[in-house]
Amino acid sequence: MGKPFATYEPTRVMEPGPLSEANPSGTWKDFLTISKTGIVISNLITTFTGIWLALTFNEYAFLDYIMTIIYALIGTALIIAGGCCFNNYIDRDIDQLMERTQERPSATGRLDERQVLWAGIAMSILGTMSLMLAHYAAAILGLIGLFVYVVVYTWWLKRTHSLNTIVGGISGAIPPMIGWAAIDPSLSTGIPWLLFMVMFLWQPPHFLALAIKRVEEYRKAGIPMLPVVAGFEFTKRQMTTYVLVLFPVSLLLYELGAIYLIAAIVLGLGWIAVSLYGFYMKDTIKWARIMFVYSLNYMTIMFIVMVVSVI
């Protein structure tokens, strides 16, 4: 077992082979792939939640802010897509070594590396401009998230330190704050900060479950994910700790009403139960799959309920 949260030094350097079927003339589907549309859509759910709650608690009319809402959603989508393109550009070597990522256009050569890089630059610029039209505060938050995801997480920590997942979680927790800032840039109430904390605490157990499922692939690529450097048992304890802390934090959003509180209690206790079951379940990989699926459902349902509960 390696040292928890230690800087990772792979025993040997894995050199990727030549790009297979290199043909730098990708289709629009390839550009959608490197933009990671699934990640974009899931983050738009949390962004819209921030928008909706800001409108509700400030007693603003939805139609009065329709253009601001459109600019905020388009800008968030583009800046996240841009960050994902940068991620594909930087990780094009190690993506070839992992089964989960080896078919990405940036790894196979269907898209030339310059195409991937310029797609990231273009989308990030357009996304920032759109967020500026919503409000400069939203644009600043978007740029912070982009910097953390691309520079701090992808370029630096992902390859060097097992804290990568935790620090990278900052960028994934910013979208609801972008949505709130587009409507209420002062961020004077505690709700947007609590939305940030809920998303921040949700991400480690979600992504560490994926890391357990793909531990051998990460090991092969030399990526110091926590299960690689510290083993399954330590990772389980870390995941459970985050789930346990997330539960009371989610209840601090009691201002959203009874419907939300009931959902937060039921889903939170359910996730705690699933987490604790991991210490008794012999098949850790199977448990990780259950945790991963539960985390996806938890996030989606919680943020939908946040919107519904204040209608």
Protein backbone atom coordinates (compact mmCIF):
# COMPACT_ATOMS: atom_id res chain seq x y z
CA MET A 1 0.00 0.00 0.00
CA GLY A 2 1.36 3.41 -0.95
CA LYS A 3 1.35 6.52 1.19
CA PRO A 4 -2.08 8.19 1.25
CA PHE A 5 -2.06 11.57 -0.51
CA ALA A 6 1.60 11.16 -1.41
CA THR A 7 3.23 12.44 -4.58
CA TYR A 8 3.17 9.52 -6.98
CA GLU A 9 6.27 8.20 -8.67
CA PRO A 10 5.45 5.40 -11.11
CA THR A 11 7.87 2.50 -11.11
CA ARG A 12 8.24 2.79 -14.87
CA VAL A 13 7.25 5.34 -17.47
CA MET A 14 4.51 4.17 -19.81
CA GLU A 15 5.16 5.35 -23.34
CA PRO A 16 2.10 5.41 -25.58
CA GLY A 17 2.35 3.77 -28.94
CA PRO A 18 1.73 5.51 -32.23
CA LEU A 19 -1.68 6.92 -32.88
CA SER A 20 -3.86 4.31 -34.54
CA GLU A 21 -5.49 5.14 -37.83
CA ALA A 22 -4.30 8.74 -37.71
CA ASN A 23 -6.65 10.76 -39.85
CA PRO A 24 -6.90 14.37 -38.70
CA SER A 25 -10.20 15.09 -40.43
CA GLY A 26 -12.71 14.51 -37.68
CA THR A 27 -16.46 14.88 -37.91
CA TRP A 28 -18.74 17.06 -35.83
CA LYS A 29 -19.45 13.96 -33.72
CA ASP A 30 -15.75 13.81 -32.84
CA PHE A 31 -15.87 17.42 -31.66
CA LEU A 32 -18.93 16.60 -29.55
CA THR A 33 -17.00 13.68 -28.07
CA ILE A 34 -14.02 15.76 -26.97
CA SER A 35 -16.45 18.35 -25.59
CA LYS A 36 -17.84 15.62 -23.27
CA THR A 37 -21.49 16.52 -23.75
CA GLY A 38 -22.56 14.30 -20.85
CA ILE A 39 -20.46 16.35 -18.43
CA VAL A 40 -21.74 19.59 -19.98
CA ILE A 41 -25.40 18.56 -19.58
CA SER A 42 -24.99 17.41 -15.97
CA ASN A 43 -23.30 20.70 -15.08
CA LEU A 44 -26.04 22.68 -16.80
CA ILE A 45 -28.53 21.05 -14.42
CA THR A 46 -26.64 22.48 -11.44
CA THR A 47 -26.14 25.83 -13.20
CA PHE A 48 -29.86 26.17 -13.87
CA THR A 49 -30.57 25.26 -10.25
CA GLY A 50 -28.38 28.17 -9.15
CA ILE A 51 -30.22 30.46 -11.56
CA TRP A 52 -33.65 29.29 -10.44
CA LEU A 53 -32.91 29.60 -6.73
CA ALA A 54 -31.41 33.07 -7.20
CA LEU A 55 -34.55 34.18 -9.03
CA THR A 56 -36.80 32.68 -6.36
CA PHE A 57 -35.04 34.04 -3.28
CA ASN A 58 -34.61 37.48 -4.79
CA GLU A 59 -38.25 37.44 -5.99
CA TYR A 60 -37.29 38.17 -9.58
CA ALA A 61 -39.49 37.24 -12.53
CA PHE A 62 -38.09 34.55 -14.83
CA LEU A 63 -39.05 36.34 -18.06
CA ASP A 64 -37.43 39.59 -16.92
CA TYR A 65 -34.08 37.78 -16.88
CA ILE A 66 -34.58 35.49 -19.87
CA MET A 67 -31.60 36.83 -21.85
CA THR A 68 -29.36 36.71 -18.79
CA ILE A 69 -30.40 33.10 -18.25
CA ILE A 70 -29.69 32.20 -21.89
CA TYR A 71 -26.26 33.87 -21.81
CA ALA A 72 -25.41 32.14 -18.53
CA LEU A 73 -26.39 28.67 -19.76
CA ILE A 74 -24.70 29.03 -23.15
CA GLY A 75 -21.58 30.50 -21.55
CA THR A 76 -21.37 27.76 -18.93
CA ALA A 77 -21.86 25.06 -21.56
CA LEU A 78 -19.14 26.49 -23.80
CA ILE A 79 -16.58 27.12 -21.08
CA ILE A 80 -17.04 23.59 -19.70
CA ALA A 81 -16.82 22.14 -23.21
CA GLY A 82 -13.66 24.18 -23.76
CA GLY A 83 -12.14 22.82 -20.57
CA CYS A 84 -12.97 19.28 -21.67
CA CYS A 85 -11.24 19.89 -25.02
CA PHE A 86 -8.13 21.10 -23.19
CA ASN A 87 -8.36 17.98 -21.02
CA ASN A 88 -8.42 15.79 -24.14
CA TYR A 89 -5.49 17.72 -25.60
CA ILE A 90 -3.30 17.38 -22.50
CA ASP A 91 -4.26 13.74 -21.82
CA ARG A 92 -4.00 12.48 -25.39
CA ASP A 93 -0.94 10.36 -24.49
CA ILE A 94 -2.27 8.63 -21.38
CA ASP A 95 -5.74 8.25 -22.91
CA GLN A 96 -4.22 5.72 -25.31
CA LEU A 97 -3.28 3.54 -22.34
CA MET A 98 -6.75 3.30 -20.79
CA GLU A 99 -9.62 1.23 -22.16
CA ARG A 100 -12.15 3.85 -21.04
CA THR A 101 -10.50 6.64 -23.03
CA GLN A 102 -8.47 5.04 -25.81
CA GLU A 103 -11.20 5.60 -28.42
CA ARG A 104 -11.35 9.35 -27.90
CA PRO A 105 -10.69 11.20 -31.18
CA SER A 106 -7.74 12.97 -29.57
CA ALA A 107 -6.19 9.61 -28.64
CA THR A 108 -6.83 7.78 -31.91
CA GLY A 109 -5.78 10.67 -34.13
CA ARG A 110 -9.18 11.20 -35.74
CA LEU A 111 -8.70 14.79 -34.63
CA ASP A 112 -5.33 16.46 -34.98
CA GLU A 113 -3.94 17.79 -31.70
CA ARG A 114 -4.08 21.33 -33.07
CA GLN A 115 -7.78 20.91 -33.83
CA VAL A 116 -8.40 19.79 -30.26
CA LEU A 117 -6.37 22.67 -28.82
CA TRP A 118 -8.05 25.33 -30.96
CA ALA A 119 -11.47 23.90 -30.19
CA GLY A 120 -10.68 24.37 -26.49
CA ILE A 121 -9.44 27.92 -27.03
CA ALA A 122 -12.42 28.92 -29.18
CA MET A 123 -15.05 27.45 -26.88
CA SER A 124 -13.43 28.95 -23.77
CA ILE A 125 -13.28 32.43 -25.31
CA LEU A 126 -16.87 32.28 -26.58
CA GLY A 127 -18.05 30.89 -23.24
CA THR A 128 -16.33 33.69 -21.32
CA MET A 129 -17.84 36.30 -23.63
CA SER A 130 -21.32 34.83 -23.16
CA LEU A 131 -20.90 34.79 -19.37
CA MET A 132 -19.75 38.41 -19.51
CA LEU A 133 -23.06 39.27 -21.18
CA ALA A 134 -24.80 37.66 -18.20
CA HIS A 135 -22.55 39.34 -15.60
CA TYR A 136 -18.81 39.78 -15.10
CA ALA A 137 -19.06 37.91 -11.77
CA ALA A 138 -20.34 34.83 -13.60
CA ALA A 139 -17.47 35.14 -16.09
CA ILE A 140 -14.88 35.37 -13.31
CA LEU A 141 -16.25 32.24 -11.65
CA GLY A 142 -16.24 30.48 -15.01
CA LEU A 143 -12.59 31.36 -15.57
CA ILE A 144 -11.68 30.19 -12.07
CA GLY A 145 -13.34 26.85 -12.75
CA LEU A 146 -11.59 26.59 -16.13
CA PHE A 147 -8.18 27.37 -14.60
CA VAL A 148 -8.56 24.83 -11.80
CA TYR A 149 -9.77 22.09 -14.15
CA VAL A 150 -7.24 22.62 -16.94
CA VAL A 151 -4.09 23.88 -15.21
CA VAL A 152 -4.27 22.73 -11.59
CA TYR A 153 -6.07 19.40 -12.10
CA THR A 154 -5.36 18.13 -15.62
CA TRP A 155 -1.94 19.62 -16.28
CA TRP A 156 -0.46 19.25 -12.80
CA LEU A 157 -2.12 17.18 -10.07
CA LYS A 158 -3.68 14.42 -12.17
CA ARG A 159 -0.26 13.02 -13.00
CA THR A 160 1.56 13.83 -9.78
CA HIS A 161 -0.63 13.61 -6.69
CA SER A 162 -3.51 11.61 -5.27
CA LEU A 163 -5.17 14.85 -4.14
CA ASN A 164 -6.09 15.41 -7.79
CA THR A 165 -9.71 14.33 -7.35
CA ILE A 166 -10.31 16.58 -4.35
CA VAL A 167 -8.72 19.71 -5.80
CA GLY A 168 -10.34 19.09 -9.18
CA GLY A 169 -13.67 19.02 -7.38
CA ILE A 170 -13.46 22.81 -7.01
CA SER A 171 -14.11 23.28 -10.72
CA GLY A 172 -17.03 20.85 -10.69
CA ALA A 173 -18.64 22.69 -7.78
CA ILE A 174 -18.59 26.15 -9.38
CA PRO A 175 -21.44 25.84 -11.99
CA PRO A 176 -24.31 26.45 -9.52
CA MET A 177 -22.45 29.51 -8.27
CA ILE A 178 -22.08 30.74 -11.86
CA GLY A 179 -25.84 30.42 -12.26
CA TRP A 180 -26.54 32.29 -9.04
CA ALA A 181 -23.97 35.02 -9.82
CA ALA A 182 -25.58 35.67 -13.21
CA ILE A 183 -28.76 36.74 -11.38
CA ASP A 184 -27.38 37.92 -8.03
CA PRO A 185 -23.67 38.73 -8.40
CA SER A 186 -23.29 39.77 -4.77
CA LEU A 187 -23.50 36.12 -3.60
CA SER A 188 -24.51 37.68 -0.29
CA THR A 189 -26.68 34.80 0.92
CA GLY A 190 -25.35 31.44 2.07
CA ILE A 191 -27.32 29.35 -0.44
CA PRO A 192 -24.90 29.54 -3.41
CA TRP A 193 -22.01 28.68 -1.10
CA LEU A 194 -23.93 25.70 0.26
CA LEU A 195 -24.66 24.58 -3.32
CA PHE A 196 -20.90 24.76 -3.91
CA MET A 197 -20.22 22.67 -0.81
CA VAL A 198 -22.80 20.03 -1.74
CA MET A 199 -21.22 19.63 -5.18
CA PHE A 200 -17.68 19.70 -3.78
CA LEU A 201 -18.38 16.98 -1.20
CA TRP A 202 -20.32 14.88 -3.74
CA GLN A 203 -17.46 14.58 -6.19
CA PRO A 204 -14.78 12.59 -4.27
CA PRO A 205 -17.00 9.54 -3.57
CA HIS A 206 -18.37 9.74 -7.13
CA PHE A 207 -15.00 9.87 -8.90
CA LEU A 208 -13.21 7.57 -6.46
CA ALA A 209 -15.86 4.94 -7.20
CA LEU A 210 -14.87 5.25 -10.86
CA ALA A 211 -11.20 5.07 -9.87
CA ILE A 212 -11.80 1.78 -8.04
CA LYS A 213 -13.63 0.37 -11.06
CA ARG A 214 -10.75 1.36 -13.34
CA VAL A 215 -7.85 0.97 -10.90
CA GLU A 216 -5.73 -1.23 -13.18
CA GLU A 217 -6.15 1.16 -16.08
CA TYR A 218 -5.05 4.10 -13.93
CA ARG A 219 -2.12 2.04 -12.66
CA LYS A 220 -1.08 1.19 -16.21
CA ALA A 221 -1.24 4.85 -17.25
CA GLY A 222 0.75 5.95 -14.19
CA ILE A 223 -2.05 8.13 -12.80
CA PRO A 224 -1.88 8.38 -8.97
CA MET A 225 -5.55 7.94 -8.18
CA LEU A 226 -6.14 7.18 -4.51
CA PRO A 227 -6.93 3.45 -5.00
CA VAL A 228 -3.62 3.10 -6.88
CA VAL A 229 -1.40 4.68 -4.23
CA ALA A 230 -3.32 3.83 -1.04
CA GLY A 231 -5.42 0.76 -1.79
CA PHE A 232 -9.13 -0.01 -1.62
CA GLU A 233 -9.68 0.07 2.15
CA PHE A 234 -8.22 3.54 2.64
CA THR A 235 -10.19 4.77 -0.37
CA LYS A 236 -13.40 3.33 1.07
CA ARG A 237 -12.82 5.20 4.32
CA GLN A 238 -12.23 8.45 2.44
CA MET A 239 -15.36 8.00 0.34
CA THR A 240 -17.49 7.22 3.39
CA THR A 241 -16.12 10.26 5.23
CA TYR A 242 -17.18 12.57 2.41
CA VAL A 243 -20.65 11.01 2.27
CA LEU A 244 -21.03 11.39 6.05
CA VAL A 245 -20.01 15.07 5.92
CA LEU A 246 -22.22 15.73 2.88
CA PHE A 247 -25.35 14.61 4.75
CA PRO A 248 -25.49 17.39 7.39
CA VAL A 249 -24.25 20.00 4.89
CA SER A 250 -27.12 19.14 2.53
CA LEU A 251 -29.59 19.68 5.39
CA LEU A 252 -28.36 23.26 5.85
CA LEU A 253 -30.38 24.08 2.73
CA TYR A 254 -33.54 23.74 4.83
CA GLU A 255 -34.80 27.06 3.44
CA LEU A 256 -35.71 25.17 0.26
CA GLY A 257 -38.64 23.60 2.09
CA ALA A 258 -40.05 20.31 3.33
CA ILE A 259 -39.96 18.49 -0.02
CA TYR A 260 -36.25 19.15 -0.34
CA LEU A 261 -35.53 18.18 3.26
CA ILE A 262 -37.33 14.85 2.91
CA ALA A 263 -35.43 14.08 -0.30
CA ALA A 264 -32.09 15.09 1.24
CA ILE A 265 -32.69 12.89 4.30
CA VAL A 266 -33.83 9.85 2.33
CA LEU A 267 -31.13 10.09 -0.34
CA GLY A 268 -28.45 11.00 2.18
CA LEU A 269 -29.20 8.12 4.55
CA GLY A 270 -29.42 5.78 1.58
CA TRP A 271 -25.96 6.81 0.39
CA ILE A 272 -24.53 6.41 3.89
CA ALA A 273 -25.97 2.90 4.02
CA VAL A 274 -24.46 2.01 0.64
CA SER A 275 -21.10 3.46 1.72
CA LEU A 276 -20.98 1.51 4.98
CA TYR A 277 -22.01 -1.68 3.18
CA GLY A 278 -18.74 -1.46 1.29
CA PHE A 279 -16.83 -2.53 4.41
CA TYR A 280 -18.79 -5.81 4.49
CA MET A 281 -19.14 -6.51 0.77
CA LYS A 282 -16.41 -8.83 -0.52
CA ASP A 283 -16.56 -7.68 -4.13
CA THR A 284 -15.16 -4.14 -3.95
CA ILE A 285 -15.45 -3.55 -7.70
CA LYS A 286 -19.15 -4.44 -7.64
CA TRP A 287 -19.64 -2.14 -4.65
CA ALA A 288 -17.86 0.67 -6.52
CA ARG A 289 -20.27 0.24 -9.43
CA ILE A 290 -23.22 0.57 -7.03
CA MET A 291 -21.66 3.68 -5.44
CA PHE A 292 -21.05 5.25 -8.84
CA VAL A 293 -24.63 4.72 -10.03
CA TYR A 294 -26.06 5.89 -6.69
CA SER A 295 -23.96 9.05 -6.79
CA LEU A 296 -25.26 9.93 -10.25
CA ASN A 297 -28.86 9.46 -9.14
CA TYR A 298 -28.22 11.37 -5.91
CA MET A 299 -26.89 14.45 -7.69
CA THR A 300 -29.54 14.46 -10.42
CA ILE A 301 -32.51 13.96 -8.08
CA MET A 302 -31.24 16.40 -5.45
CA PHE A 303 -30.85 19.28 -7.88
CA ILE A 304 -34.15 18.60 -9.62
CA VAL A 305 -35.88 18.54 -6.22
CA MET A 306 -34.19 21.85 -5.32
CA VAL A 307 -35.94 23.45 -8.29
CA VAL A 308 -39.30 21.74 -7.74
CA SER A 309 -39.39 22.45 -4.01
CA VAL A 310 -39.43 26.23 -4.45
CA ILE A 311 -41.94 26.43 -7.31
